[in-house]
N, C-alpha and C. Protein backbone atom coordinates (compact mmCIF):
# COMPACT_ATOMS: atom_id res chain seq x y z
N MET A 1 30.82 -13.28 -8.25
CA MET A 1 29.37 -12.55 -8.11
C MET A 1 30.88 -11.33 -8.23
N TYR A 2 31.11 -9.88 -8.32
CA TYR A 2 31.40 -8.93 -8.40
C TYR A 2 30.60 -8.27 -7.69
N VAL A 3 31.60 -7.75 -6.11
CA VAL A 3 30.34 -6.58 -5.36
C VAL A 3 31.32 -5.28 -5.89
N THR A 4 30.30 -4.29 -5.83
CA THR A 4 30.65 -2.66 -5.60
C THR A 4 30.41 -2.40 -4.45
N LYS A 5 31.21 -0.86 -4.49
CA LYS A 5 30.95 -0.04 -3.75
C LYS A 5 29.57 0.24 -2.95
N ASP A 6 28.42 0.19 -4.48
CA ASP A 6 27.17 0.13 -3.39
C ASP A 6 26.35 -0.85 -2.82
N ASP A 7 26.97 -1.87 -3.92
CA ASP A 7 26.72 -2.82 -2.92
C ASP A 7 27.35 -3.41 -1.41
N ASP A 8 28.16 -2.86 -1.25
CA ASP A 8 29.00 -2.97 0.22
C ASP A 8 27.78 -1.95 1.10
N VAL A 9 27.77 -0.72 0.70
CA VAL A 9 26.73 0.14 1.63
C VAL A 9 25.61 -0.75 2.19
N TRP A 10 24.55 -1.86 0.98
CA TRP A 10 23.66 -2.20 1.59
C TRP A 10 24.04 -3.57 2.22
N HIS A 11 24.74 -4.25 2.06
CA HIS A 11 25.14 -5.13 2.90
C HIS A 11 25.61 -4.71 3.94
N MET A 12 26.49 -3.38 4.32
CA MET A 12 26.40 -3.22 5.55
C MET A 12 24.91 -2.77 6.50
N LYS A 13 24.56 -2.18 5.87
CA LYS A 13 22.95 -2.28 5.94
C LYS A 13 22.01 -2.74 6.96
N TRP A 14 22.05 -4.26 5.93
CA TRP A 14 21.42 -5.24 5.79
C TRP A 14 22.12 -5.93 7.54
N MET A 15 23.14 -5.84 7.03
CA MET A 15 24.30 -6.52 8.61
C MET A 15 23.81 -5.97 10.26
N LYS A 16 23.35 -4.43 9.87
CA LYS A 16 23.73 -3.69 11.11
C LYS A 16 21.83 -4.05 11.91
N ARG A 17 21.12 -4.23 10.49
CA ARG A 17 19.65 -4.69 11.39
C ARG A 17 19.88 -5.91 11.38
N ALA A 18 20.51 -7.36 11.15
CA ALA A 18 20.81 -8.38 11.67
C ALA A 18 21.51 -8.23 13.20
N LEU A 19 22.41 -7.27 13.41
CA LEU A 19 23.11 -7.31 14.91
C LEU A 19 22.39 -6.67 15.52
N ALA A 20 21.17 -5.41 14.65
CA ALA A 20 20.44 -5.21 15.75
C ALA A 20 19.05 -6.41 16.76
N MET A 21 19.19 -7.00 15.30
CA MET A 21 17.89 -8.38 16.18
C MET A 21 18.54 -9.08 17.16
N ALA A 22 19.93 -9.11 16.61
CA ALA A 22 20.62 -9.84 17.94
C ALA A 22 20.90 -8.98 19.27
N GLU A 23 20.96 -8.21 19.21
CA GLU A 23 21.20 -7.11 20.16
C GLU A 23 20.05 -6.89 21.38
N GLU A 24 18.72 -7.03 20.62
CA GLU A 24 17.52 -7.29 21.10
C GLU A 24 17.18 -9.42 21.82
N ALA A 25 17.37 -9.39 20.97
CA ALA A 25 17.66 -10.79 21.52
C ALA A 25 18.61 -11.09 23.00
N LEU A 26 19.61 -10.41 22.61
CA LEU A 26 20.47 -10.44 24.14
C LEU A 26 19.60 -9.44 25.12
N GLU A 27 18.57 -8.76 24.76
CA GLU A 27 18.24 -7.89 25.88
C GLU A 27 16.93 -8.76 26.71
N THR A 28 16.67 -9.11 25.87
CA THR A 28 15.68 -10.40 26.94
C THR A 28 16.17 -11.85 27.33
N GLY A 29 17.53 -11.64 27.09
CA GLY A 29 18.28 -13.00 28.01
C GLY A 29 18.69 -14.07 26.37
N GLU A 30 18.17 -14.19 25.67
CA GLU A 30 18.59 -15.45 24.38
C GLU A 30 20.17 -15.29 23.97
N VAL A 31 20.67 -16.19 23.58
CA VAL A 31 21.59 -16.06 22.29
C VAL A 31 22.28 -15.19 21.80
N PRO A 32 21.95 -14.15 21.32
CA PRO A 32 22.51 -12.81 20.46
C PRO A 32 22.45 -13.68 19.12
N VAL A 33 21.73 -13.86 18.47
CA VAL A 33 21.19 -14.58 17.08
C VAL A 33 20.30 -13.57 16.33
N GLY A 34 20.33 -13.30 14.94
CA GLY A 34 19.43 -12.22 14.49
C GLY A 34 19.32 -12.63 13.29
N CYS A 35 18.61 -12.60 12.50
CA CYS A 35 18.75 -12.48 10.09
C CYS A 35 17.81 -11.73 9.92
N VAL A 36 18.19 -11.40 8.80
CA VAL A 36 17.33 -10.78 7.99
C VAL A 36 17.68 -11.40 6.26
N PHE A 37 16.54 -11.35 5.84
CA PHE A 37 16.81 -12.05 4.34
C PHE A 37 16.08 -10.73 3.50
N VAL A 38 16.88 -10.61 2.47
CA VAL A 38 16.25 -9.20 1.99
C VAL A 38 16.69 -9.68 0.66
N ARG A 39 15.41 -8.97 -0.28
CA ARG A 39 15.21 -9.29 -1.79
C ARG A 39 15.31 -7.98 -2.89
N GLU A 40 16.48 -8.04 -3.71
CA GLU A 40 16.40 -6.84 -4.21
C GLU A 40 16.15 -5.38 -3.25
N ASN A 41 17.04 -5.18 -2.39
CA ASN A 41 17.23 -4.33 -1.52
C ASN A 41 16.04 -4.03 -0.47
N VAL A 42 15.10 -5.07 -0.16
CA VAL A 42 13.94 -4.45 0.39
C VAL A 42 13.67 -5.87 1.59
N ILE A 43 13.58 -6.11 2.37
CA ILE A 43 13.77 -6.73 3.42
C ILE A 43 12.07 -7.48 3.67
N ILE A 44 12.36 -9.23 3.71
CA ILE A 44 11.20 -9.52 3.02
C ILE A 44 11.33 -10.53 4.42
N ALA A 45 11.79 -10.78 5.26
CA ALA A 45 11.73 -11.15 6.41
C ALA A 45 12.84 -11.08 7.60
N GLN A 46 12.68 -11.12 8.92
CA GLN A 46 13.88 -10.84 9.71
C GLN A 46 13.28 -11.68 11.15
N ALA A 47 14.38 -11.94 12.04
CA ALA A 47 13.58 -12.73 13.06
C ALA A 47 14.89 -12.43 14.42
N ARG A 48 14.53 -13.12 15.54
CA ARG A 48 15.90 -13.05 16.24
C ARG A 48 15.74 -14.51 17.35
N ASN A 49 16.42 -14.69 18.09
CA ASN A 49 17.01 -16.24 18.30
C ASN A 49 15.41 -15.48 19.95
N ARG A 50 14.51 -16.86 19.77
CA ARG A 50 13.38 -16.76 20.93
C ARG A 50 13.25 -18.31 21.75
N THR A 51 14.25 -18.86 21.43
CA THR A 51 14.36 -20.14 22.48
C THR A 51 13.59 -20.07 23.78
N ASN A 52 14.32 -18.82 24.63
CA ASN A 52 13.98 -19.06 26.13
C ASN A 52 13.02 -18.72 26.25
N GLU A 53 12.03 -17.58 25.55
CA GLU A 53 11.13 -16.32 25.41
C GLU A 53 9.73 -17.71 25.14
N LEU A 54 9.89 -18.66 23.93
CA LEU A 54 9.07 -19.89 23.39
C LEU A 54 9.05 -20.82 24.24
N GLY A 55 9.83 -20.97 24.82
CA GLY A 55 10.11 -22.15 26.47
C GLY A 55 10.29 -23.47 25.27
N ASN A 56 11.39 -23.48 24.02
CA ASN A 56 10.96 -24.58 23.02
C ASN A 56 11.98 -24.89 22.72
N VAL A 57 13.26 -25.90 23.06
CA VAL A 57 14.31 -25.92 22.17
C VAL A 57 14.10 -26.60 21.07
N CYS A 58 13.59 -27.43 20.99
CA CYS A 58 12.86 -28.17 19.76
C CYS A 58 11.84 -28.10 18.83
N TRP A 59 11.43 -26.59 18.87
CA TRP A 59 10.22 -26.54 18.27
C TRP A 59 10.74 -26.75 16.57
N LEU A 60 10.15 -27.63 16.42
CA LEU A 60 10.42 -27.96 14.58
C LEU A 60 10.01 -27.79 13.71
N PHE A 61 9.18 -27.02 14.36
CA PHE A 61 7.84 -25.96 12.87
C PHE A 61 8.55 -24.95 12.09
N GLY A 62 9.84 -24.60 12.13
CA GLY A 62 10.51 -23.40 12.06
C GLY A 62 10.11 -22.15 13.05
N PRO A 63 10.81 -21.22 13.09
CA PRO A 63 10.75 -19.89 13.23
C PRO A 63 9.44 -18.67 12.59
N LYS A 64 8.67 -18.14 13.68
CA LYS A 64 8.01 -17.30 12.98
C LYS A 64 8.52 -16.53 12.77
N LEU A 65 8.57 -15.96 11.75
CA LEU A 65 9.21 -14.41 11.09
C LEU A 65 8.21 -13.27 11.28
N TYR A 66 8.81 -11.90 11.73
CA TYR A 66 8.63 -10.81 12.33
C TYR A 66 8.97 -9.69 10.79
N ASP A 67 8.17 -9.06 10.68
CA ASP A 67 8.13 -7.78 9.74
C ASP A 67 8.17 -6.42 10.70
């Protein structure tokens, strides 16, 4: 896959959003993990680590995603 300079700009934008989500996790005492799913330059899902907040390390039903 060839990455253009425009692609780099978008990739940086979405990475910054994922890092912001990780920062939110850190501020609430969580391990700083954030994730952003993007399709055609639109966020379709985003989430952060909430293990301590939810009180369940073995949450097997998948993360609840927020927009």
